């Protein structure tokens, strides 16, 4: 089994190590786990972990993903529509490559940008929502604009953009 997340803390009083693996986002293991001396506890909630006790009572040993959480954005441009505007789909991909490069994100393949789920990636992917307003060509040539979060749940930015703007116009 490949685990998504792991957290491990140690009680500084009794030395006991409390750890929790999350294999599924809906996974729930029950009540708070306490160390043998009762000074430190670990909440086994699925989307986060929380240590109980005073901060000086425990040591965080590991709080990162065994498999690093990643975000992925996929963009596809229609070459015929781009040519009608005097561009090529490749030119559109080149613009996006430069856009993401400012955030240290390189394409893993044409139109696919994948990076660790951190504030930098969040900022880069979030700023793509401004592209339709900041460019004259983006909405006219984009055919697919999807982001996948760390649980591989897709968010269709193109559909969301049109939905938001339709609601806004009403």
Foldseek 3Di string as FASTA:
>chain_A
DFFFWKWWKAFPPPGDIDMDTARDLCDADDQWAADPVRQWTWHRHRPAIDIDHDPVGMDTPDTATPPFWKKKKAWFWAQVLQVVVVHGRVVVQVVLQVLCVVLVWHAPDRRMTMDGPDPSVVVSLVCVLCVVVVDVCDLRTIDFIWMATRVRDIDGSNVVSVVVVVVVVD
